[in-house]
Amino acid sequence: MTKSFNIYLKAKCGDTTMTVAMHPGTVRTVLSKEFCERVPKGQPRGDGGEDARRCGGTGHEARGGFFDRKGEKIEW
């Protein structure tokens, strides 16, 4: 879906817009509550915050890409 939507946006908007997918890591939910409680203080727990901004500076080579919460590319 990310790749397809990126192709659509490129055709519609040119180089002004692109899509990327981001794996958020562990997200705080009822399912992950016990895990999050065991993570030492100061370590990421999937709270969001600045994580989503880390892919912002990757440039157009990131079009349709998939990234982890550190901004590193994950191969499809």
PDB file of N, CA and C in Angstrom:
ATOM      1  N   MET A   1       0.813  -1.167   0.000  1.00  0.00           N
ATOM      2  CA  MET A   1       0.000   0.000   0.000  1.00  0.00           C
ATOM      3  C   MET A   1       0.877   1.259   0.000  1.00  0.00           C
ATOM      4  N   THR A   2       1.940   1.248   0.773  1.00  0.00           N
ATOM      5  CA  THR A   2       2.831   2.413   0.827  1.00  0.00           C
ATOM      6  C   THR A   2       3.445   2.690  -0.526  1.00  0.00           C
ATOM      7  N   LYS A   3       3.960   1.649  -1.169  1.00  0.00           N
ATOM      8  CA  LYS A   3       4.579   1.827  -2.483  1.00  0.00           C
ATOM      9  C   LYS A   3       3.563   2.309  -3.515  1.00  0.00           C
ATOM     10  N   SER A   4       2.378   1.699  -3.519  1.00  0.00           N
ATOM     11  CA  SER A   4       1.342   2.087  -4.482  1.00  0.00           C
ATOM     12  C   SER A   4       0.890   3.532  -4.261  1.00  0.00           C
ATOM     13  N   PHE A   5       0.676   3.899  -3.020  1.00  0.00           N
ATOM     14  CA  PHE A   5       0.256   5.262  -2.725  1.00  0.00           C
ATOM     15  C   PHE A   5       1.357   6.262  -3.094  1.00  0.00           C
ATOM     16  N   ASN A   6       2.605   5.872  -2.902  1.00  0.00           N
ATOM     17  CA  ASN A   6       3.715   6.733  -3.276  1.00  0.00           C
ATOM     18  C   ASN A   6       3.736   6.975  -4.791  1.00  0.00           C
ATOM     19  N   ILE A   7       3.491   5.929  -5.577  1.00  0.00           N
ATOM     20  CA  ILE A   7       3.436   6.066  -7.034  1.00  0.00           C
ATOM     21  C   ILE A   7       2.317   7.036  -7.421  1.00  0.00           C
ATOM     22  N   TYR A   8       1.167   6.883  -6.777  1.00  0.00           N
ATOM     23  CA  TYR A   8       0.037   7.782  -7.037  1.00  0.00           C
ATOM     24  C   TYR A   8       0.406   9.231  -6.705  1.00  0.00           C
ATOM     25  N   LEU A   9       0.994   9.443  -5.525  1.00  0.00           N
ATOM     26  CA  LEU A   9       1.347  10.807  -5.128  1.00  0.00           C
ATOM     27  C   LEU A   9       2.391  11.427  -6.047  1.00  0.00           C
ATOM     28  N   LYS A  10       3.361  10.631  -6.464  1.00  0.00           N
ATOM     29  CA  LYS A  10       4.381  11.167  -7.365  1.00  0.00           C
ATOM     30  C   LYS A  10       3.736  11.610  -8.680  1.00  0.00           C
ATOM     31  N   ALA A  11       2.792  10.824  -9.204  1.00  0.00           N
ATOM     32  CA  ALA A  11       2.111  11.183 -10.450  1.00  0.00           C
ATOM     33  C   ALA A  11       1.244  12.428 -10.255  1.00  0.00           C
ATOM     34  N   LYS A  12       0.622  12.548  -9.106  1.00  0.00           N
ATOM     35  CA  LYS A  12      -0.299  13.656  -8.832  1.00  0.00           C
ATOM     36  C   LYS A  12       0.420  14.936  -8.399  1.00  0.00           C
ATOM     37  N   CYS A  13       1.472  14.792  -7.587  1.00  0.00           N
ATOM     38  CA  CYS A  13       2.112  15.961  -6.963  1.00  0.00           C
ATOM     39  C   CYS A  13       3.568  16.176  -7.366  1.00  0.00           C
ATOM     40  N   GLY A  14       4.138  15.266  -8.139  1.00  0.00           N
ATOM     41  CA  GLY A  14       5.548  15.394  -8.500  1.00  0.00           C
ATOM     42  C   GLY A  14       6.441  15.086  -7.317  1.00  0.00           C
ATOM     43  N   ASP A  15       7.516  15.849  -7.185  1.00  0.00           N
ATOM     44  CA  ASP A  15       8.484  15.605  -6.111  1.00  0.00           C
ATOM     45  C   ASP A  15       8.159  16.335  -4.813  1.00  0.00           C
ATOM     46  N   THR A  16       6.981  16.936  -4.724  1.00  0.00           N
ATOM     47  CA  THR A  16       6.655  17.697  -3.516  1.00  0.00           C
ATOM     48  C   THR A  16       6.136  16.837  -2.370  1.00  0.00           C
ATOM     49  N   THR A  17       5.745  15.600  -2.660  1.00  0.00           N
ATOM     50  CA  THR A  17       5.154  14.725  -1.644  1.00  0.00           C
ATOM     51  C   THR A  17       5.622  13.295  -1.856  1.00  0.00           C
ATOM     52  N   MET A  18       5.791  12.560  -0.750  1.00  0.00           N
ATOM     53  CA  MET A  18       6.127  11.147  -0.843  1.00  0.00           C
ATOM     54  C   MET A  18       5.589  10.431   0.379  1.00  0.00           C
ATOM     55  N   THR A  19       5.522   9.115   0.306  1.00  0.00           N
ATOM     56  CA  THR A  19       5.093   8.319   1.453  1.00  0.00           C
ATOM     57  C   THR A  19       6.212   7.387   1.882  1.00  0.00           C
ATOM     58  N   VAL A  20       6.251   7.100   3.164  1.00  0.00           N
ATOM     59  CA  VAL A  20       7.133   6.085   3.732  1.00  0.00           C
ATOM     60  C   VAL A  20       6.321   5.357   4.794  1.00  0.00           C
ATOM     61  N   ALA A  21       6.695   4.131   5.099  1.00  0.00           N
ATOM     62  CA  ALA A  21       6.071   3.382   6.185  1.00  0.00           C
ATOM     63  C   ALA A  21       7.080   3.294   7.319  1.00  0.00           C
ATOM     64  N   MET A  22       6.599   3.361   8.540  1.00  0.00           N
ATOM     65  CA  MET A  22       7.499   3.319   9.681  1.00  0.00           C
ATOM     66  C   MET A  22       7.021   2.290  10.693  1.00  0.00           C
ATOM     67  N   HIS A  23       7.920   1.395  11.072  1.00  0.00           N
ATOM     68  CA  HIS A  23       7.628   0.425  12.121  1.00  0.00           C
ATOM     69  C   HIS A  23       7.844   1.149  13.450  1.00  0.00           C
ATOM     70  N   PRO A  24       6.825   1.246  14.290  1.00  0.00           N
ATOM     71  CA  PRO A  24       6.940   2.057  15.501  1.00  0.00           C
ATOM     72  C   PRO A  24       7.699   1.412  16.649  1.00  0.00           C
ATOM     73  N   GLY A  25       8.135   0.186  16.490  1.00  0.00           N
ATOM     74  CA  GLY A  25       8.731  -0.500  17.626  1.00  0.00           C
ATOM     75  C   GLY A  25       7.605  -1.048  18.487  1.00  0.00           C
ATOM     76  N   THR A  26       7.838  -1.177  19.769  1.00  0.00           N
ATOM     77  CA  THR A  26       6.792  -1.646  20.667  1.00  0.00           C
ATOM     78  C   THR A  26       5.901  -0.475  21.024  1.00  0.00           C
ATOM     79  N   VAL A  27       4.643  -0.620  20.782  1.00  0.00           N
ATOM     80  CA  VAL A  27       3.670   0.429  21.072  1.00  0.00           C
ATOM     81  C   VAL A  27       2.948   0.075  22.363  1.00  0.00           C
ATOM     82  N   ARG A  28       2.765   1.061  23.212  1.00  0.00           N
ATOM     83  CA  ARG A  28       2.085   0.796  24.487  1.00  0.00           C
ATOM     84  C   ARG A  28       0.616   0.460  24.250  1.00  0.00           C
ATOM     85  N   THR A  29       0.284  -0.772  24.538  1.00  0.00           N
ATOM     86  CA  THR A  29      -1.101  -1.233  24.464  1.00  0.00           C
ATOM     87  C   THR A  29      -1.313  -2.200  25.624  1.00  0.00           C
ATOM     88  N   VAL A  30      -2.503  -2.683  25.783  1.00  0.00           N
ATOM     89  CA  VAL A  30      -2.778  -3.683  26.812  1.00  0.00           C
ATOM     90  C   VAL A  30      -1.928  -4.927  26.542  1.00  0.00           C
ATOM     91  N   LEU A  31      -1.770  -5.268  25.271  1.00  0.00           N
ATOM     92  CA  LEU A  31      -0.999  -6.457  24.892  1.00  0.00           C
ATOM     93  C   LEU A  31       0.475  -6.340  25.303  1.00  0.00           C
ATOM     94  N   SER A  32       1.076  -5.150  25.211  1.00  0.00           N
ATOM     95  CA  SER A  32       2.506  -4.988  25.505  1.00  0.00           C
ATOM     96  C   SER A  32       2.781  -4.413  26.890  1.00  0.00           C
ATOM     97  N   LYS A  33       1.768  -4.282  27.720  1.00  0.00           N
ATOM     98  CA  LYS A  33       1.917  -3.649  29.035  1.00  0.00           C
ATOM     99  C   LYS A  33       3.035  -4.281  29.870  1.00  0.00           C
ATOM    100  N   GLU A  34       3.049  -5.605  29.978  1.00  0.00           N
ATOM    101  CA  GLU A  34       4.066  -6.274  30.794  1.00  0.00           C
ATOM    102  C   GLU A  34       5.462  -6.032  30.240  1.00  0.00           C
ATOM    103  N   PHE A  35       5.613  -6.055  28.913  1.00  0.00           N
ATOM    104  CA  PHE A  35       6.915  -5.800  28.303  1.00  0.00           C
ATOM    105  C   PHE A  35       7.377  -4.387  28.622  1.00  0.00           C
ATOM    106  N   CYS A  36       6.511  -3.396  28.428  1.00  0.00           N
ATOM    107  CA  CYS A  36       6.872  -2.000  28.651  1.00  0.00           C
ATOM    108  C   CYS A  36       7.259  -1.739  30.098  1.00  0.00           C
ATOM    109  N   GLU A  37       6.642  -2.430  31.024  1.00  0.00           N
ATOM    110  CA  GLU A  37       6.973  -2.257  32.441  1.00  0.00           C
ATOM    111  C   GLU A  37       8.369  -2.781  32.763  1.00  0.00           C
ATOM    112  N   ARG A  38       8.886  -3.734  31.964  1.00  0.00           N
ATOM    113  CA  ARG A  38      10.212  -4.308  32.206  1.00  0.00           C
ATOM    114  C   ARG A  38      11.343  -3.538  31.528  1.00  0.00           C
ATOM    115  N   VAL A  39      11.022  -2.625  30.620  1.00  0.00           N
ATOM    116  CA  VAL A  39      12.050  -1.864  29.917  1.00  0.00           C
ATOM    117  C   VAL A  39      12.652  -0.858  30.885  1.00  0.00           C
ATOM    118  N   PRO A  40      14.005  -0.852  31.031  1.00  0.00           N
ATOM    119  CA  PRO A  40      14.644   0.094  31.946  1.00  0.00           C
ATOM    120  C   PRO A  40      14.323   1.546  31.575  1.00  0.00           C
ATOM    121  N   LYS A  41      14.263   2.404  32.591  1.00  0.00           N
ATOM    122  CA  LYS A  41      13.979   3.818  32.348  1.00  0.00           C
ATOM    123  C   LYS A  41      15.025   4.406  31.409  1.00  0.00           C
ATOM    124  N   GLY A  42      14.573   5.279  30.539  1.00  0.00           N
ATOM    125  CA  GLY A  42      15.478   5.922  29.595  1.00  0.00           C
ATOM    126  C   GLY A  42      15.576   5.219  28.256  1.00  0.00           C
ATOM    127  N   GLN A  43      15.116   3.973  28.169  1.00  0.00           N
ATOM    128  CA  GLN A  43      15.131   3.265  26.899  1.00  0.00           C
ATOM    129  C   GLN A  43      13.798   3.466  26.191  1.00  0.00           C
ATOM    130  N   PRO A  44      13.836   3.511  24.847  1.00  0.00           N
ATOM    131  CA  PRO A  44      12.589   3.731  24.101  1.00  0.00           C
ATOM    132  C   PRO A  44      11.543   2.660  24.408  1.00  0.00           C
ATOM    133  N   ARG A  45      10.307   3.096  24.522  1.00  0.00           N
ATOM    134  CA  ARG A  45       9.210   2.172  24.793  1.00  0.00           C
ATOM    135  C   ARG A  45       8.119   2.281  23.751  1.00  0.00           C
ATOM    136  N   GLY A  46       8.384   2.939  22.651  1.00  0.00           N
ATOM    137  CA  GLY A  46       7.373   3.065  21.623  1.00  0.00           C
ATOM    138  C   GLY A  46       6.381   4.171  21.893  1.00  0.00           C
ATOM    139  N   ASP A  47       6.825   5.227  22.577  1.00  0.00           N
ATOM    140  CA  ASP A  47       5.933   6.319  22.929  1.00  0.00           C
ATOM    141  C   ASP A  47       5.658   7.263  21.772  1.00  0.00           C
ATOM    142  N   GLY A  48       6.377   7.145  20.676  1.00  0.00           N
ATOM    143  CA  GLY A  48       6.164   8.058  19.546  1.00  0.00           C
ATOM    144  C   GLY A  48       7.075   9.256  19.668  1.00  0.00           C
ATOM    145  N   GLY A  49       6.518  10.428  19.832  1.00  0.00           N
ATOM    146  CA  GLY A  49       7.324  11.625  19.998  1.00  0.00           C
ATOM    147  C   GLY A  49       8.138  11.940  18.763  1.00  0.00           C
ATOM    148  N   GLU A  50       9.439  12.063  18.934  1.00  0.00           N
ATOM    149  CA  GLU A  50      10.307  12.453  17.823  1.00  0.00           C
ATOM    150  C   GLU A  50      10.575  11.317  16.849  1.00  0.00           C
ATOM    151  N   ASP A  51      10.226  10.091  17.189  1.00  0.00           N
ATOM    152  CA  ASP A  51      10.520   8.950  16.331  1.00  0.00           C
ATOM    153  C   ASP A  51       9.989   9.129  14.913  1.00  0.00           C
ATOM    154  N   ALA A  52       8.798   9.659  14.781  1.00  0.00           N
ATOM    155  CA  ALA A  52       8.191   9.806  13.460  1.00  0.00           C
ATOM    156  C   ALA A  52       8.915  10.835  12.607  1.00  0.00           C
ATOM    157  N   ARG A  53       9.654  11.739  13.229  1.00  0.00           N
ATOM    158  CA  ARG A  53      10.357  12.777  12.477  1.00  0.00           C
ATOM    159  C   ARG A  53      11.704  12.305  11.934  1.00  0.00           C
ATOM    160  N   ARG A  54      12.189  11.172  12.355  1.00  0.00           N
ATOM    161  CA  ARG A  54      13.523  10.712  11.963  1.00  0.00           C
ATOM    162  C   ARG A  54      13.632  10.362  10.492  1.00  0.00           C
ATOM    163  N   CYS A  55      12.532  10.040   9.841  1.00  0.00           N
ATOM    164  CA  CYS A  55      12.557   9.710   8.423  1.00  0.00           C
ATOM    165  C   CYS A  55      12.433  10.958   7.564  1.00  0.00           C
ATOM    166  N   GLY A  56      12.136  12.086   8.172  1.00  0.00           N
ATOM    167  CA  GLY A  56      11.874  13.305   7.421  1.00  0.00           C
ATOM    168  C   GLY A  56      13.023  13.802   6.586  1.00  0.00           C
ATOM    169  N   GLY A  57      14.247  13.572   6.997  1.00  0.00           N
ATOM    170  CA  GLY A  57      15.385  14.096   6.264  1.00  0.00           C
ATOM    171  C   GLY A  57      16.036  13.106   5.322  1.00  0.00           C
ATOM    172  N   THR A  58      15.370  12.021   5.000  1.00  0.00           N
ATOM    173  CA  THR A  58      16.009  10.981   4.203  1.00  0.00           C
ATOM    174  C   THR A  58      16.061  11.295   2.715  1.00  0.00           C
ATOM    175  N   GLY A  59      15.259  12.223   2.240  1.00  0.00           N
ATOM    176  CA  GLY A  59      15.296  12.589   0.825  1.00  0.00           C
ATOM    177  C   GLY A  59      14.451  11.676  -0.041  1.00  0.00           C
ATOM    178  N   HIS A  60      14.453  11.975  -1.340  1.00  0.00           N
ATOM    179  CA  HIS A  60      13.581  11.263  -2.260  1.00  0.00           C
ATOM    180  C   HIS A  60      13.985   9.805  -2.504  1.00  0.00           C
ATOM    181  N   GLU A  61      15.189   9.415  -2.125  1.00  0.00           N
ATOM    182  CA  GLU A  61      15.565   7.999  -2.260  1.00  0.00           C
ATOM    183  C   GLU A  61      14.773   7.128  -1.287  1.00  0.00           C
ATOM    184  N   ALA A  62      14.083   7.754  -0.340  1.00  0.00           N
ATOM    185  CA  ALA A  62      13.278   7.022   0.633  1.00  0.00           C
ATOM    186  C   ALA A  62      11.871   6.729   0.130  1.00  0.00           C
ATOM    187  N   ARG A  63      11.513   7.237  -1.039  1.00  0.00           N
ATOM    188  CA  ARG A  63      10.153   7.070  -1.576  1.00  0.00           C
ATOM    189  C   ARG A  63       9.662   5.635  -1.460  1.00  0.00           C
ATOM    190  N   GLY A  64       8.505   5.465  -0.827  1.00  0.00           N
ATOM    191  CA  GLY A  64       7.892   4.146  -0.725  1.00  0.00           C
ATOM    192  C   GLY A  64       8.652   3.195   0.167  1.00  0.00           C
ATOM    193  N   GLY A  65       9.595   3.688   0.947  1.00  0.00           N
ATOM    194  CA  GLY A  65      10.428   2.831   1.788  1.00  0.00           C
ATOM    195  C   GLY A  65       9.777   2.470   3.112  1.00  0.00           C
ATOM    196  N   PHE A  66      10.440   1.578   3.824  1.00  0.00           N
ATOM    197  CA  PHE A  66       9.981   1.084   5.121  1.00  0.00           C
ATOM    198  C   PHE A  66      11.129   1.291   6.092  1.00  0.00           C
ATOM    199  N   PHE A  67      10.878   1.973   7.223  1.00  0.00           N
ATOM    200  CA  PHE A  67      11.932   2.348   8.150  1.00  0.00           C
ATOM    201  C   PHE A  67      11.601   1.922   9.567  1.00  0.00           C
ATOM    202  N   ASP A  68      12.659   1.663  10.360  1.00  0.00           N
ATOM    203  CA  ASP A  68      12.436   1.351  11.770  1.00  0.00           C
ATOM    204  C   ASP A  68      12.366   2.663  12.553  1.00  0.00           C
ATOM    205  N   ARG A  69      12.164   2.569  13.840  1.00  0.00           N
ATOM    206  CA  ARG A  69      11.989   3.758  14.654  1.00  0.00           C
ATOM    207  C   ARG A  69      13.245   4.614  14.775  1.00  0.00           C
ATOM    208  N   LYS A  70      14.400   4.073  14.350  1.00  0.00           N
ATOM    209  CA  LYS A  70      15.641   4.852  14.347  1.00  0.00           C
ATOM    210  C   LYS A  70      15.859   5.544  13.015  1.00  0.00           C
ATOM    211  N   GLY A  71      14.987   5.296  12.052  1.00  0.00           N
ATOM    212  CA  GLY A  71      15.127   5.887  10.728  1.00  0.00           C
ATOM    213  C   GLY A  71      15.950   5.041   9.777  1.00  0.00           C
ATOM    214  N   GLU A  72      16.323   3.826  10.177  1.00  0.00           N
ATOM    215  CA  GLU A  72      17.109   2.942   9.321  1.00  0.00           C
ATOM    216  C   GLU A  72      16.176   2.136   8.412  1.00  0.00           C
ATOM    217  N   LYS A  73      16.588   1.972   7.170  1.00  0.00           N
ATOM    218  CA  LYS A  73      15.742   1.304   6.192  1.00  0.00           C
ATOM    219  C   LYS A  73      15.601  -0.193   6.483  1.00  0.00           C
ATOM    220  N   ILE A  74      14.377  -0.676   6.369  1.00  0.00           N
ATOM    221  CA  ILE A  74      14.063  -2.106   6.490  1.00  0.00           C
ATOM    222  C   ILE A  74      13.696  -2.557   5.071  1.00  0.00           C
ATOM    223  N   GLU A  75      14.313  -3.607   4.624  1.00  0.00           N
ATOM    224  CA  GLU A  75      14.003  -4.114   3.283  1.00  0.00           C
ATOM    225  C   GLU A  75      12.636  -4.780   3.289  1.00  0.00           C
ATOM    226  N   TRP A  76      11.854  -4.516   2.241  1.00  0.00           N
ATOM    227  CA  TRP A  76      10.554  -5.154   2.096  1.00  0.00           C
ATOM    228  C   TRP A  76      10.796  -6.606   1.906  1.00  0.00           C
TER     229      TRP A  76
END
